[in-house]
Amino acid sequence: MGIKTFMNFLPKDTNGCPFLLLAPMEGVGDAPFRKAIASIGGFDEAIKDFLRVPKNAHIKSLAKVYIANEIAPIPLAAQIMGSDVELMAQMAIELENRGALHIDLNFGCPSKIVNGRGSGASLLKNPAILEKIAKRVVEAVSIPVSIKMRSGYHDISLFKENLLAAEGSGVKYITLHPRTKVQEYDSSANWALIAEAKSILKIPVVGNGDIFSLNDALRMLKDTGCDGLMIGRGALINPFIFNQIKSHFSKKEYKSFFCDLVKYLEKYICELADDIQMRTKINKLKQIMSFLFQGNEILLKNRMAVLSYKGTELQELMDLAIPFLKEGFEKC
């Protein structure tokens, strides 16, 4: 398959905006968040938080958590993580049968539990195994397969080897989060490694890490030459970021309204499962708000007033937070 065909998998829009992806985020990036931010939109595809494939996996039961049309018409890719070659292939087949149009392989999760079981970023210690798993999944399905990876485990000594192993497996593109496993989310993402990956690989590279604003997005594109952008925490802090990027390329001013932010939070609340306890719902809403309140200095100074809420009513928490959000939103 030629380079041109690879590039067509991450098409720019008619205004030249690169392909924009909502990152998978364990814990916070769940279905309620995806549905809430999909109501704002702007991104071309979302990737579901990883589905772990343990060595005793019951494939059909585990795969039921993936719902292909969850945020339709926006596509939702399925991400899987594991180290058993055949079980990973079987899971990919089952997800394709459930309507997945794209499988992403997680070779970047820094969790100690995950890595202690030989999955996630631990596979970056052995490029040959990484390639074996990815190649088998590529062979097992008819839909595109991609890889999300970090720059290394302890260090970047195997960086090039892992990149070439990923490309050799036949995946359509890689998403690079340029921190090692041991760095987790400490220190700045090393965007120079994304540029280096672009110089090494023939397949597309999606840049990921420390994109918190339109200016960050434009700087990553300029500094790295990456083919697409994947944004995670930046979308939690600023749910309008994808639309801001799209509007920049269309040369149209994007005006976000405070009422849209309120609707986003209301949609999130609406999508929380009925069978979870109220305290859990409140804690999840506070988690979402903790990111929103990092958005600017005005919000940040009021963050603890919201996070220290001890009540038992979601609407009461909203009533507490909205005046702060309105002040920060209108002055940012």
C-alpha atoms as a PDB file:
ATOM      1  CA  MET A   1       0.000   0.000   0.000  1.00  0.00           C
ATOM      2  CA  GLY A   2       1.475   3.320  -1.039  1.00  0.00           C
ATOM      3  CA  ILE A   3       2.087   6.417   1.021  1.00  0.00           C
ATOM      4  CA  LYS A   4      -0.742   8.274  -0.707  1.00  0.00           C
ATOM      5  CA  THR A   5      -3.264   5.675   0.440  1.00  0.00           C
ATOM      6  CA  PHE A   6      -1.924   5.873   3.984  1.00  0.00           C
ATOM      7  CA  MET A   7      -2.295   9.648   3.955  1.00  0.00           C
ATOM      8  CA  ASN A   8      -5.877   9.409   2.733  1.00  0.00           C
ATOM      9  CA  PHE A   9      -6.763   7.599   5.957  1.00  0.00           C
ATOM     10  CA  LEU A  10      -6.247  10.846   7.896  1.00  0.00           C
ATOM     11  CA  PRO A  11      -7.705  13.336   5.438  1.00  0.00           C
ATOM     12  CA  LYS A  12      -7.570  17.081   5.890  1.00  0.00           C
ATOM     13  CA  ASP A  13     -10.916  18.815   5.589  1.00  0.00           C
ATOM     14  CA  THR A  14     -11.791  21.091   2.692  1.00  0.00           C
ATOM     15  CA  ASN A  15     -10.145  24.028   4.471  1.00  0.00           C
ATOM     16  CA  GLY A  16      -6.888  22.185   5.065  1.00  0.00           C
ATOM     17  CA  CYS A  17      -7.500  21.420   8.743  1.00  0.00           C
ATOM     18  CA  PRO A  18      -5.688  18.237   9.805  1.00  0.00           C
ATOM     19  CA  PHE A  19      -7.588  15.241  11.123  1.00  0.00           C
ATOM     20  CA  LEU A  20      -8.626  15.835  14.748  1.00  0.00           C
ATOM     21  CA  LEU A  21      -9.080  12.989  17.220  1.00  0.00           C
ATOM     22  CA  LEU A  22     -10.482  12.908  20.744  1.00  0.00           C
ATOM     23  CA  ALA A  23      -8.034  10.870  22.814  1.00  0.00           C
ATOM     24  CA  PRO A  24      -8.950   7.837  24.898  1.00  0.00           C
ATOM     25  CA  MET A  25      -8.610   8.694  28.589  1.00  0.00           C
ATOM     26  CA  GLU A  26      -8.996   6.018  31.232  1.00  0.00           C
ATOM     27  CA  GLY A  27     -11.375   6.988  34.017  1.00  0.00           C
ATOM     28  CA  VAL A  28     -12.388  10.494  32.988  1.00  0.00           C
ATOM     29  CA  GLY A  29     -12.849   9.915  29.250  1.00  0.00           C
ATOM     30  CA  ASP A  30     -15.926   7.753  29.667  1.00  0.00           C
ATOM     31  CA  ALA A  31     -19.204   7.539  27.727  1.00  0.00           C
ATOM     32  CA  PRO A  32     -20.889  10.494  29.493  1.00  0.00           C
ATOM     33  CA  PHE A  33     -17.910  12.715  28.661  1.00  0.00           C
ATOM     34  CA  ARG A  34     -17.754  11.524  25.057  1.00  0.00           C
ATOM     35  CA  LYS A  35     -21.473  12.152  24.581  1.00  0.00           C
ATOM     36  CA  ALA A  36     -21.241  15.573  26.217  1.00  0.00           C
ATOM     37  CA  ILE A  37     -18.302  16.776  24.143  1.00  0.00           C
ATOM     38  CA  ALA A  38     -19.810  15.247  20.996  1.00  0.00           C
ATOM     39  CA  SER A  39     -22.740  17.624  21.536  1.00  0.00           C
ATOM     40  CA  ILE A  40     -20.207  20.435  20.981  1.00  0.00           C
ATOM     41  CA  GLY A  41     -18.328  18.540  18.264  1.00  0.00           C
ATOM     42  CA  GLY A  42     -15.454  19.677  16.083  1.00  0.00           C
ATOM     43  CA  PHE A  43     -13.431  16.439  16.131  1.00  0.00           C
ATOM     44  CA  ASP A  44     -13.382  13.885  13.311  1.00  0.00           C
ATOM     45  CA  GLU A  45     -13.156  10.717  15.410  1.00  0.00           C
ATOM     46  CA  ALA A  46     -13.032   9.624  19.025  1.00  0.00           C
ATOM     47  CA  ILE A  47     -11.169   6.624  20.387  1.00  0.00           C
ATOM     48  CA  LYS A  48     -12.771   4.784  23.269  1.00  0.00           C
ATOM     49  CA  ASP A  49     -10.729   4.274  26.420  1.00  0.00           C
ATOM     50  CA  PHE A  50      -8.867   0.975  26.259  1.00  0.00           C
ATOM     51  CA  LEU A  51     -10.498  -2.409  26.552  1.00  0.00           C
ATOM     52  CA  ARG A  52      -8.008  -4.636  28.362  1.00  0.00           C
ATOM     53  CA  VAL A  53      -7.586  -8.153  26.983  1.00  0.00           C
ATOM     54  CA  PRO A  54      -6.215 -10.332  29.828  1.00  0.00           C
ATOM     55  CA  LYS A  55      -4.849 -13.829  29.286  1.00  0.00           C
ATOM     56  CA  ASN A  56      -8.126 -15.353  30.519  1.00  0.00           C
ATOM     57  CA  ALA A  57     -10.311 -13.010  28.462  1.00  0.00           C
ATOM     58  CA  HIS A  58     -13.863 -13.978  27.585  1.00  0.00           C
ATOM     59  CA  ILE A  59     -13.925 -12.094  24.315  1.00  0.00           C
ATOM     60  CA  LYS A  60     -17.660 -11.727  23.675  1.00  0.00           C
ATOM     61  CA  SER A  61     -18.429 -10.599  27.225  1.00  0.00           C
ATOM     62  CA  LEU A  62     -15.658  -7.988  27.310  1.00  0.00           C
ATOM     63  CA  ALA A  63     -16.493  -6.616  23.874  1.00  0.00           C
ATOM     64  CA  LYS A  64     -20.044  -5.709  24.934  1.00  0.00           C
ATOM     65  CA  VAL A  65     -18.804  -2.454  26.476  1.00  0.00           C
ATOM     66  CA  TYR A  66     -18.065  -1.150  22.982  1.00  0.00           C
ATOM     67  CA  ILE A  67     -21.017   0.529  21.268  1.00  0.00           C
ATOM     68  CA  ALA A  68     -20.149   1.579  17.739  1.00  0.00           C
ATOM     69  CA  ASN A  69     -22.840   4.250  17.364  1.00  0.00           C
ATOM     70  CA  GLU A  70     -22.357   5.743  20.836  1.00  0.00           C
ATOM     71  CA  ILE A  71     -21.655   9.266  19.540  1.00  0.00           C
ATOM     72  CA  ALA A  72     -22.935   8.912  15.960  1.00  0.00           C
ATOM     73  CA  PRO A  73     -22.491  10.464  13.464  1.00  0.00           C
ATOM     74  CA  ILE A  74     -18.969  10.925  14.869  1.00  0.00           C
ATOM     75  CA  PRO A  75     -17.077   7.604  14.506  1.00  0.00           C
ATOM     76  CA  LEU A  76     -15.882   5.874  17.672  1.00  0.00           C
ATOM     77  CA  ALA A  77     -12.815   3.674  17.295  1.00  0.00           C
ATOM     78  CA  ALA A  78     -12.159   0.776  19.669  1.00  0.00           C
ATOM     79  CA  GLN A  79      -8.855   0.618  21.537  1.00  0.00           C
ATOM     80  CA  ILE A  80      -7.526  -2.671  22.887  1.00  0.00           C
ATOM     81  CA  MET A  81      -4.580  -3.493  25.106  1.00  0.00           C
ATOM     82  CA  GLY A  82      -2.971  -6.825  25.927  1.00  0.00           C
ATOM     83  CA  SER A  83       0.004  -9.067  25.284  1.00  0.00           C
ATOM     84  CA  ASP A  84      -1.560 -12.352  24.136  1.00  0.00           C
ATOM     85  CA  VAL A  85      -1.247 -12.303  20.349  1.00  0.00           C
ATOM     86  CA  GLU A  86      -4.208 -14.544  19.518  1.00  0.00           C
ATOM     87  CA  LEU A  87      -6.566 -13.067  22.101  1.00  0.00           C
ATOM     88  CA  MET A  88      -5.802  -9.573  20.813  1.00  0.00           C
ATOM     89  CA  ALA A  89      -6.629 -10.762  17.290  1.00  0.00           C
ATOM     90  CA  GLN A  90      -9.860 -12.414  18.458  1.00  0.00           C
ATOM     91  CA  MET A  91     -10.907  -9.253  20.294  1.00  0.00           C
ATOM     92  CA  ALA A  92     -10.265  -7.163  17.181  1.00  0.00           C
ATOM     93  CA  ILE A  93     -12.426  -9.547  15.134  1.00  0.00           C
ATOM     94  CA  GLU A  94     -15.239  -9.373  17.691  1.00  0.00           C
ATOM     95  CA  LEU A  95     -15.094  -5.565  17.760  1.00  0.00           C
ATOM     96  CA  GLU A  96     -15.214  -5.433  13.972  1.00  0.00           C
ATOM     97  CA  ASN A  97     -18.296  -7.676  14.133  1.00  0.00           C
ATOM     98  CA  ARG A  98     -19.811  -5.193  16.589  1.00  0.00           C
ATOM     99  CA  GLY A  99     -19.439  -2.391  14.066  1.00  0.00           C
ATOM    100  CA  ALA A 100     -16.013  -0.918  14.810  1.00  0.00           C
ATOM    101  CA  LEU A 101     -14.570   0.852  11.778  1.00  0.00           C
ATOM    102  CA  HIS A 102     -11.093   1.237  13.281  1.00  0.00           C
ATOM    103  CA  ILE A 103      -9.003  -0.579  15.905  1.00  0.00           C
ATOM    104  CA  ASP A 104      -6.332   1.228  17.921  1.00  0.00           C
ATOM    105  CA  LEU A 105      -3.653  -0.679  19.850  1.00  0.00           C
ATOM    106  CA  ASN A 106      -2.524   0.721  23.191  1.00  0.00           C
ATOM    107  CA  PHE A 107       1.248   0.506  23.644  1.00  0.00           C
ATOM    108  CA  GLY A 108       1.455   3.511  25.922  1.00  0.00           C
ATOM    109  CA  CYS A 109      -0.564   3.074  29.124  1.00  0.00           C
ATOM    110  CA  PRO A 110       1.766   3.856  32.090  1.00  0.00           C
ATOM    111  CA  SER A 111      -0.356   2.117  34.751  1.00  0.00           C
ATOM    112  CA  LYS A 112       1.747  -0.030  37.101  1.00  0.00           C
ATOM    113  CA  ILE A 113      -0.895  -2.765  37.183  1.00  0.00           C
ATOM    114  CA  VAL A 114      -1.149  -2.884  33.392  1.00  0.00           C
ATOM    115  CA  ASN A 115       2.604  -2.868  32.859  1.00  0.00           C
ATOM    116  CA  GLY A 116       3.121  -5.461  35.565  1.00  0.00           C
ATOM    117  CA  ARG A 117       1.019  -7.804  33.422  1.00  0.00           C
ATOM    118  CA  GLY A 118       3.081  -7.227  30.300  1.00  0.00           C
ATOM    119  CA  SER A 119       0.732  -4.830  28.539  1.00  0.00           C
ATOM    120  CA  GLY A 120       0.625  -1.146  27.678  1.00  0.00           C
ATOM    121  CA  ALA A 121       3.939   0.684  27.624  1.00  0.00           C
ATOM    122  CA  SER A 122       5.839  -2.399  28.837  1.00  0.00           C
ATOM    123  CA  LEU A 123       5.701  -3.712  25.251  1.00  0.00           C
ATOM    124  CA  LEU A 124       8.005  -0.865  24.235  1.00  0.00           C
ATOM    125  CA  LYS A 125      10.800  -2.851  25.870  1.00  0.00           C
ATOM    126  CA  ASN A 126      10.555  -5.456  23.101  1.00  0.00           C
ATOM    127  CA  PRO A 127       9.920  -4.095  19.581  1.00  0.00           C
ATOM    128  CA  ALA A 128       9.723  -7.604  18.123  1.00  0.00           C
ATOM    129  CA  ILE A 129       6.772  -8.541  20.331  1.00  0.00           C
ATOM    130  CA  LEU A 130       5.116  -5.191  19.628  1.00  0.00           C
ATOM    131  CA  GLU A 131       5.363  -5.874  15.915  1.00  0.00           C
ATOM    132  CA  LYS A 132       4.128  -9.454  16.300  1.00  0.00           C
ATOM    133  CA  ILE A 133       0.981  -8.390  18.169  1.00  0.00           C
ATOM    134  CA  ALA A 134       0.199  -5.513  15.811  1.00  0.00           C
ATOM    135  CA  LYS A 135       0.818  -7.570  12.676  1.00  0.00           C
ATOM    136  CA  ARG A 136      -1.477 -10.346  13.860  1.00  0.00           C
ATOM    137  CA  VAL A 137      -4.280  -7.860  14.580  1.00  0.00           C
ATOM    138  CA  VAL A 138      -3.795  -6.219  11.173  1.00  0.00           C
ATOM    139  CA  GLU A 139      -4.071  -9.641   9.517  1.00  0.00           C
ATOM    140  CA  ALA A 140      -7.158 -10.579  11.553  1.00  0.00           C
ATOM    141  CA  VAL A 141      -9.444  -7.725  10.495  1.00  0.00           C
ATOM    142  CA  SER A 142     -10.451  -5.887   7.341  1.00  0.00           C
ATOM    143  CA  ILE A 143     -10.707  -2.496   9.063  1.00  0.00           C
ATOM    144  CA  PRO A 144      -7.796  -0.086   9.635  1.00  0.00           C
ATOM    145  CA  VAL A 145      -5.535  -0.617  12.646  1.00  0.00           C
ATOM    146  CA  SER A 146      -3.413   2.056  14.318  1.00  0.00           C
ATOM    147  CA  ILE A 147      -1.069   2.244  17.297  1.00  0.00           C
ATOM    148  CA  LYS A 148      -0.923   4.744  20.162  1.00  0.00           C
ATOM    149  CA  MET A 149       2.465   4.632  21.820  1.00  0.00           C
ATOM    150  CA  ARG A 150       4.827   6.498  24.081  1.00  0.00           C
ATOM    151  CA  SER A 151       8.426   7.346  23.249  1.00  0.00           C
ATOM    152  CA  GLY A 152       9.810   4.531  25.367  1.00  0.00           C
ATOM    153  CA  TYR A 153       9.682   2.750  28.703  1.00  0.00           C
ATOM    154  CA  HIS A 154      12.624   3.795  30.914  1.00  0.00           C
ATOM    155  CA  ASP A 155      14.183   5.921  28.175  1.00  0.00           C
ATOM    156  CA  ILE A 156      14.108   6.432  24.400  1.00  0.00           C
ATOM    157  CA  SER A 157      16.925   4.018  23.535  1.00  0.00           C
ATOM    158  CA  LEU A 158      14.489   1.842  21.525  1.00  0.00           C
ATOM    159  CA  PHE A 159      12.538   4.753  20.059  1.00  0.00           C
ATOM    160  CA  LYS A 160      13.486   4.175  16.424  1.00  0.00           C
ATOM    161  CA  GLU A 161      13.213   0.392  16.733  1.00  0.00           C
ATOM    162  CA  ASN A 162       9.664   0.680  18.113  1.00  0.00           C
ATOM    163  CA  LEU A 163       8.639   3.088  15.366  1.00  0.00           C
ATOM    164  CA  LEU A 164       9.945   0.792  12.650  1.00  0.00           C
ATOM    165  CA  ALA A 165       8.344  -2.233  14.311  1.00  0.00           C
ATOM    166  CA  ALA A 166       5.010  -0.409  14.318  1.00  0.00           C
ATOM    167  CA  GLU A 167       5.368   0.515  10.659  1.00  0.00           C
ATOM    168  CA  GLY A 168       6.486  -2.998   9.761  1.00  0.00           C
ATOM    169  CA  SER A 169       3.328  -4.473  11.268  1.00  0.00           C
ATOM    170  CA  GLY A 170       1.153  -2.864   8.612  1.00  0.00           C
ATOM    171  CA  VAL A 171      -0.761  -0.393  10.777  1.00  0.00           C
ATOM    172  CA  LYS A 172      -2.155   2.672   9.007  1.00  0.00           C
ATOM    173  CA  TYR A 173      -0.651   5.292  11.327  1.00  0.00           C
ATOM    174  CA  ILE A 174       0.781   5.815  14.793  1.00  0.00           C
ATOM    175  CA  THR A 175      -0.131   8.325  17.446  1.00  0.00           C
ATOM    176  CA  LEU A 176       2.905   9.381  19.446  1.00  0.00           C
ATOM    177  CA  HIS A 177       2.704  10.674  22.997  1.00  0.00           C
ATOM    178  CA  PRO A 178       6.312  11.829  23.442  1.00  0.00           C
ATOM    179  CA  ARG A 179       6.873  10.946  27.070  1.00  0.00           C
ATOM    180  CA  THR A 180       8.313   7.698  28.398  1.00  0.00           C
ATOM    181  CA  LYS A 181       6.362   5.369  30.641  1.00  0.00           C
ATOM    182  CA  VAL A 182       8.346   6.417  33.720  1.00  0.00           C
ATOM    183  CA  GLN A 183       7.635  10.094  33.013  1.00  0.00           C
ATOM    184  CA  GLU A 184       3.893   9.393  33.088  1.00  0.00           C
ATOM    185  CA  TYR A 185       2.552  12.970  32.787  1.00  0.00           C
ATOM    186  CA  ASP A 186       5.455  14.710  34.487  1.00  0.00           C
ATOM    187  CA  SER A 187       7.541  17.252  32.554  1.00  0.00           C
ATOM    188  CA  SER A 188       6.648  18.630  29.147  1.00  0.00           C
ATOM    189  CA  ALA A 189       5.927  16.381  26.179  1.00  0.00           C
ATOM    190  CA  ASN A 190       9.003  16.309  23.926  1.00  0.00           C
ATOM    191  CA  TRP A 191       7.503  17.376  20.606  1.00  0.00           C
ATOM    192  CA  ALA A 192      10.904  17.071  18.913  1.00  0.00           C
ATOM    193  CA  LEU A 193      10.362  13.306  19.041  1.00  0.00           C
ATOM    194  CA  ILE A 194       7.195  13.684  16.966  1.00  0.00           C
ATOM    195  CA  ALA A 195       9.228  15.527  14.336  1.00  0.00           C
ATOM    196  CA  GLU A 196      11.835  12.771  14.509  1.00  0.00           C
ATOM    197  CA  ALA A 197       9.141  10.113  14.031  1.00  0.00           C
ATOM    198  CA  LYS A 198       7.944  11.974  10.947  1.00  0.00           C
ATOM    199  CA  SER A 199      11.475  11.872   9.532  1.00  0.00           C
ATOM    200  CA  ILE A 200      11.761   8.111  10.143  1.00  0.00           C
ATOM    201  CA  LEU A 201       8.349   6.805   9.074  1.00  0.00           C
ATOM    202  CA  LYS A 202       6.512   6.590   5.768  1.00  0.00           C
ATOM    203  CA  ILE A 203       3.122   6.169   7.453  1.00  0.00           C
ATOM    204  CA  PRO A 204       1.334   9.155   9.030  1.00  0.00           C
ATOM    205  CA  VAL A 205       2.093  10.331  12.547  1.00  0.00           C
ATOM    206  CA  VAL A 206      -0.512  11.885  14.822  1.00  0.00           C
ATOM    207  CA  GLY A 207       0.828  14.233  17.479  1.00  0.00           C
ATOM    208  CA  ASN A 208      -0.427  13.946  21.051  1.00  0.00           C
ATOM    209  CA  GLY A 209       0.541  15.632  24.289  1.00  0.00           C
ATOM    210  CA  ASP A 210       0.283  19.120  25.822  1.00  0.00           C
ATOM    211  CA  ILE A 211      -2.191  20.592  23.328  1.00  0.00           C
ATOM    212  CA  PHE A 212      -4.235  22.925  25.522  1.00  0.00           C
ATOM    213  CA  SER A 213      -5.055  25.777  23.149  1.00  0.00           C
ATOM    214  CA  LEU A 214      -5.370  26.754  19.492  1.00  0.00           C
ATOM    215  CA  ASN A 215      -1.856  28.191  19.639  1.00  0.00           C
ATOM    216  CA  ASP A 216      -0.507  24.896  21.003  1.00  0.00           C
ATOM    217  CA  ALA A 217      -2.176  23.019  18.148  1.00  0.00           C
ATOM    218  CA  LEU A 218      -0.758  25.342  15.498  1.00  0.00           C
ATOM    219  CA  ARG A 219       2.699  25.225  17.061  1.00  0.00           C
ATOM    220  CA  MET A 220       2.703  21.418  17.137  1.00  0.00           C
ATOM    221  CA  LEU A 221       1.730  21.276  13.476  1.00  0.00           C
ATOM    222  CA  LYS A 222       4.444  23.763  12.546  1.00  0.00           C
ATOM    223  CA  ASP A 223       7.211  22.317  14.740  1.00  0.00           C
ATOM    224  CA  THR A 224       6.608  18.631  14.033  1.00  0.00           C
ATOM    225  CA  GLY A 225       4.965  18.366  10.614  1.00  0.00           C
ATOM    226  CA  CYS A 226       2.555  15.795  12.084  1.00  0.00           C
ATOM    227  CA  ASP A 227      -0.400  14.604  10.021  1.00  0.00           C
ATOM    228  CA  GLY A 228      -3.117  14.898  12.639  1.00  0.00           C
ATOM    229  CA  LEU A 229      -3.747  15.943  16.222  1.00  0.00           C
ATOM    230  CA  MET A 230      -5.060  13.906  19.142  1.00  0.00           C
ATOM    231  CA  ILE A 231      -6.252  15.921  22.124  1.00  0.00           C
ATOM    232  CA  GLY A 232      -7.223  14.563  25.527  1.00  0.00           C
ATOM    233  CA  ARG A 233      -6.781  16.694  28.643  1.00  0.00           C
ATOM    234  CA  GLY A 234      -6.888  19.843  26.518  1.00  0.00           C
ATOM    235  CA  ALA A 235     -10.461  18.977  25.536  1.00  0.00           C
ATOM    236  CA  LEU A 236     -11.421  18.506  29.186  1.00  0.00           C
ATOM    237  CA  ILE A 237     -10.023  21.937  30.029  1.00  0.00           C
ATOM    238  CA  ASN A 238     -11.502  23.572  26.921  1.00  0.00           C
ATOM    239  CA  PRO A 239     -14.341  21.592  25.299  1.00  0.00           C
ATOM    240  CA  PHE A 240     -14.396  24.099  22.408  1.00  0.00           C
ATOM    241  CA  ILE A 241     -10.790  23.494  21.341  1.00  0.00           C
ATOM    242  CA  PHE A 242     -11.628  21.346  18.302  1.00  0.00           C
ATOM    243  CA  ASN A 243     -14.043  23.935  16.928  1.00  0.00           C
ATOM    244  CA  GLN A 244     -11.461  26.653  17.520  1.00  0.00           C
ATOM    245  CA  ILE A 245      -8.916  24.729  15.449  1.00  0.00           C
ATOM    246  CA  LYS A 246     -11.425  24.021  12.668  1.00  0.00           C
ATOM    247  CA  SER A 247     -12.466  27.675  12.563  1.00  0.00           C
ATOM    248  CA  HIS A 248      -8.875  28.858  12.302  1.00  0.00           C
ATOM    249  CA  PHE A 249      -8.393  26.855   9.129  1.00  0.00           C
ATOM    250  CA  SER A 250     -11.717  27.989   7.707  1.00  0.00           C
ATOM    251  CA  LYS A 251     -10.693  31.607   8.424  1.00  0.00           C
ATOM    252  CA  LYS A 252     -13.929  32.173  10.295  1.00  0.00           C
ATOM    253  CA  GLU A 253     -14.223  33.485  13.817  1.00  0.00           C
ATOM    254  CA  TYR A 254     -15.529  30.864  16.225  1.00  0.00           C
ATOM    255  CA  LYS A 255     -17.705  32.271  18.966  1.00  0.00           C
ATOM    256  CA  SER A 256     -18.433  29.951  21.842  1.00  0.00           C
ATOM    257  CA  PHE A 257     -21.337  30.874  24.082  1.00  0.00           C
ATOM    258  CA  PHE A 258     -21.649  30.346  27.808  1.00  0.00           C
ATOM    259  CA  CYS A 259     -24.989  28.638  27.293  1.00  0.00           C
ATOM    260  CA  ASP A 260     -23.167  25.970  25.240  1.00  0.00           C
ATOM    261  CA  LEU A 261     -20.859  25.285  28.168  1.00  0.00           C
ATOM    262  CA  VAL A 262     -23.861  24.892  30.485  1.00  0.00           C
ATOM    263  CA  LYS A 263     -25.525  22.534  27.994  1.00  0.00           C
ATOM    264  CA  TYR A 264     -22.288  20.509  27.862  1.00  0.00           C
ATOM    265  CA  LEU A 265     -22.364  20.051  31.648  1.00  0.00           C
ATOM    266  CA  GLU A 266     -26.083  19.296  31.629  1.00  0.00           C
ATOM    267  CA  LYS A 267     -25.555  16.696  28.911  1.00  0.00           C
ATOM    268  CA  TYR A 268     -22.805  15.104  31.004  1.00  0.00           C
ATOM    269  CA  ILE A 269     -25.124  14.902  34.018  1.00  0.00           C
ATOM    270  CA  CYS A 270     -27.934  13.490  31.890  1.00  0.00           C
ATOM    271  CA  GLU A 271     -25.693  10.711  30.578  1.00  0.00           C
ATOM    272  CA  LEU A 272     -24.512   9.511  33.999  1.00  0.00           C
ATOM    273  CA  ALA A 273     -25.938   6.057  34.655  1.00  0.00           C
ATOM    274  CA  ASP A 274     -29.110   5.926  36.725  1.00  0.00           C
ATOM    275  CA  ASP A 275     -27.850   3.036  38.826  1.00  0.00           C
ATOM    276  CA  ILE A 276     -24.755   4.742  40.268  1.00  0.00           C
ATOM    277  CA  GLN A 277     -24.914   6.407  43.686  1.00  0.00           C
ATOM    278  CA  MET A 278     -25.446  10.161  43.966  1.00  0.00           C
ATOM    279  CA  ARG A 279     -22.097  10.599  45.706  1.00  0.00           C
ATOM    280  CA  THR A 280     -20.396   8.949  42.727  1.00  0.00           C
ATOM    281  CA  LYS A 281     -22.268  11.225  40.326  1.00  0.00           C
ATOM    282  CA  ILE A 282     -21.215  14.293  42.299  1.00  0.00           C
ATOM    283  CA  ASN A 283     -17.595  13.158  42.362  1.00  0.00           C
ATOM    284  CA  LYS A 284     -17.616  12.559  38.610  1.00  0.00           C
ATOM    285  CA  LEU A 285     -19.083  16.007  37.943  1.00  0.00           C
ATOM    286  CA  LYS A 286     -16.463  17.529  40.238  1.00  0.00           C
ATOM    287  CA  GLN A 287     -13.789  15.666  38.276  1.00  0.00           C
ATOM    288  CA  ILE A 288     -15.010  17.195  35.008  1.00  0.00           C
ATOM    289  CA  MET A 289     -15.211  20.630  36.620  1.00  0.00           C
ATOM    290  CA  SER A 290     -11.712  20.290  38.068  1.00  0.00           C
ATOM    291  CA  PHE A 291     -10.403  20.298  34.492  1.00  0.00           C
ATOM    292  CA  LEU A 292     -12.671  23.156  33.368  1.00  0.00           C
ATOM    293  CA  PHE A 293     -11.462  25.278  36.265  1.00  0.00           C
ATOM    294  CA  GLN A 294      -7.872  24.988  35.038  1.00  0.00           C
ATOM    295  CA  GLY A 295      -8.876  27.009  31.978  1.00  0.00           C
ATOM    296  CA  ASN A 296      -7.767  30.432  33.175  1.00  0.00           C
ATOM    297  CA  GLU A 297      -6.606  32.305  36.263  1.00  0.00           C
ATOM    298  CA  ILE A 298     -10.087  33.533  37.161  1.00  0.00           C
ATOM    299  CA  LEU A 299     -11.464  30.008  37.203  1.00  0.00           C
ATOM    300  CA  LEU A 300      -8.401  28.540  38.873  1.00  0.00           C
ATOM    301  CA  LYS A 301      -8.709  30.775  41.931  1.00  0.00           C
ATOM    302  CA  ASN A 302     -12.250  29.445  42.521  1.00  0.00           C
ATOM    303  CA  ARG A 303     -11.454  25.803  41.791  1.00  0.00           C
ATOM    304  CA  MET A 304     -11.251  24.632  45.401  1.00  0.00           C
ATOM    305  CA  ALA A 305     -14.552  26.296  46.278  1.00  0.00           C
ATOM    306  CA  VAL A 306     -16.193  23.886  43.840  1.00  0.00           C
ATOM    307  CA  LEU A 307     -14.086  20.814  44.558  1.00  0.00           C
ATOM    308  CA  SER A 308     -14.677  21.136  48.314  1.00  0.00           C
ATOM    309  CA  TYR A 309     -18.463  20.943  47.877  1.00  0.00           C
ATOM    310  CA  LYS A 310     -19.852  18.502  50.464  1.00  0.00           C
ATOM    311  CA  GLY A 311     -23.521  18.496  49.516  1.00  0.00           C
ATOM    312  CA  THR A 312     -25.622  15.757  47.968  1.00  0.00           C
ATOM    313  CA  GLU A 313     -27.367  17.482  45.044  1.00  0.00           C
ATOM    314  CA  LEU A 314     -26.045  17.744  41.485  1.00  0.00           C
ATOM    315  CA  GLN A 315     -28.076  20.889  40.791  1.00  0.00           C
ATOM    316  CA  GLU A 316     -26.736  22.514  43.950  1.00  0.00           C
ATOM    317  CA  LEU A 317     -23.191  21.834  42.731  1.00  0.00           C
ATOM    318  CA  MET A 318     -24.083  23.300  39.330  1.00  0.00           C
ATOM    319  CA  ASP A 319     -25.591  26.387  41.002  1.00  0.00           C
ATOM    320  CA  LEU A 320     -22.351  26.838  42.946  1.00  0.00           C
ATOM    321  CA  ALA A 321     -20.093  26.460  39.917  1.00  0.00           C
ATOM    322  CA  ILE A 322     -21.994  28.361  37.211  1.00  0.00           C
ATOM    323  CA  PRO A 323     -21.355  31.936  38.484  1.00  0.00           C
ATOM    324  CA  PHE A 324     -17.626  31.185  38.646  1.00  0.00           C
ATOM    325  CA  LEU A 325     -17.668  29.614  35.195  1.00  0.00           C
ATOM    326  CA  LYS A 326     -19.603  32.535  33.755  1.00  0.00           C
ATOM    327  CA  GLU A 327     -17.102  35.060  35.106  1.00  0.00           C
ATOM    328  CA  GLY A 328     -14.112  33.089  33.869  1.00  0.00           C
ATOM    329  CA  PHE A 329     -15.673  32.228  30.516  1.00  0.00           C
ATOM    330  CA  GLU A 330     -16.617  35.823  29.695  1.00  0.00           C
ATOM    331  CA  LYS A 331     -13.213  37.232  30.652  1.00  0.00           C
ATOM    332  CA  CYS A 332     -10.986  34.611  29.022  1.00  0.00           C
END
